[in-house]
Amino acid sequence: MESAAARPRPVLTAGSVLPADADRAALVARVHNPEWDGPCVAAVRGEQVVDLTAIAPTVSDLMERDDAAAVVREADGGHVWRLDELLDAPAGRRDVPHLLAPVDLHVIKAAGVTFARSLLERVIEERTGGDPAQAARVRARVGQVVGGTLDGIRPGSPEADKAKELLVSEGLWSQYLEVGIGPDPEVFTKAPVLSAVGTGADIGVLGASVWNNPEPEAVLVVDSRGRVRGATLGNDVNLRDIEGRSALLLSRAKDNNASCAIGPFVRLLDEDFDLDTVREIDIDLRIDGTDGYVLRGSSSMREISRDVLDLVAATHGPHHQYPDGFVLFTGTLFAPTEDRQAPGAGFTHEYGDIVRISSPRLGALVNTVVPSEQAAPWTFGVRALMRNLAQRGVL
């Protein structure tokens, strides 16, 4: 990767990050307010962002309310910011108002290996031991054996069992295939509470990684009762070399400073945006390098192997509760294979890449890639939040 010393900042405007139908959407944001040196829960109303912290001190509290959409659309609020003002703020500056990740006390969970196409790339990572130079050879071998065997297979079904028998006979069975087409999905904790970054912020890739990519995903926002209350976009950064060495390195590959981006806003479910809408979402990805390099990709929720409610049920239920709610990354179809730095090496990030993840119904999440070690340190945790809200008299 190149040096992060002189990295560009993405140019963001209200028009570039809002959903196409923002006038009909109930949108929740979080704003860092330097007056309080802390976060505010806010409603996005057109190009204005209205402070609702006096009504709901945390997004978690707001999601517990049955009238959350009405509150976001209609409730009287406090301070009002211009959305363009928040988007123009320099990344990591605590002395100016700026957007944060739009979730707070929610546990950040992620479902992995939920799309057949990206599932095969996980197998390739494992077979190469995380060595990108071996990827093309292994990809050809896996494609020759598997072909379209996994297309349309329902995990845990008799057809999935037959596919497993074929792969075992060819010596290609993998722990990734187990969670991809077996009865139980992979659900893991992606990042600590309050550690996610929002749109416009830097996103971190561990400095030791030499093979990595973004993972553009739809993210569900779920309350303490297991009800899906809204959706947003996320980047579940993937360090292919580190996880490829061993699945037991998942935490090192996934949980690093600034390695989880969520945003730009939570769109609440309502009569115009329901779970069936989420099931049909298309997510676009664009990466712009400092050298003029451009990569485009897409992911469609229509191709997911497990229904979103099945993923929620695997996360929340009698076996596990989340009293403050949780967010759930639902997985990605995107797994870039085109060469960037050398023939046969596939894609990997370079520092300064601007990553734009967008969907017409959810807006755009935009971040700049930096080493995790050089991203703004995470210093505002749960204790700081509780003290801050108590000092403001809103708890």
Foldseek 3Di string as FASTA:
>chain_A
DDAQPDFDFDQDDPVQFAFLVNQPFFWWWWKQDLVLLGIFIWTDHPQKTFGPCLPPVFVLRLLVDPCSSVCNVPNDGDDMDGNSQQLPDAAPDSNGMHTWFRHFQAFAKEWEQQFPQVLVVLLLLQVVLLALLCSVVVSVVCCVQCPCLPAPAAACDPSLVVSQVSCVVVVSDDPSSCQNRHPHTDMDGQEGGHQEGEFRHAAAFAPVADAWDWWKFKKFWAHQVLDGFWIAIKTQIARSNQCNNDVVCVCVGGYFHRNIYIDDTTTTDDPVHHLVNVQFWKKKKWKAAPVRDIDIDIWGSVRGNDRPSVVSVSVDDPVDTDNSTHMYTHGTSDDFADDDPDPSSTDDDDFNIWMWMATNRHGIGIHGYDHSVPGNGDDCHDVNSVVSCVVVVSD
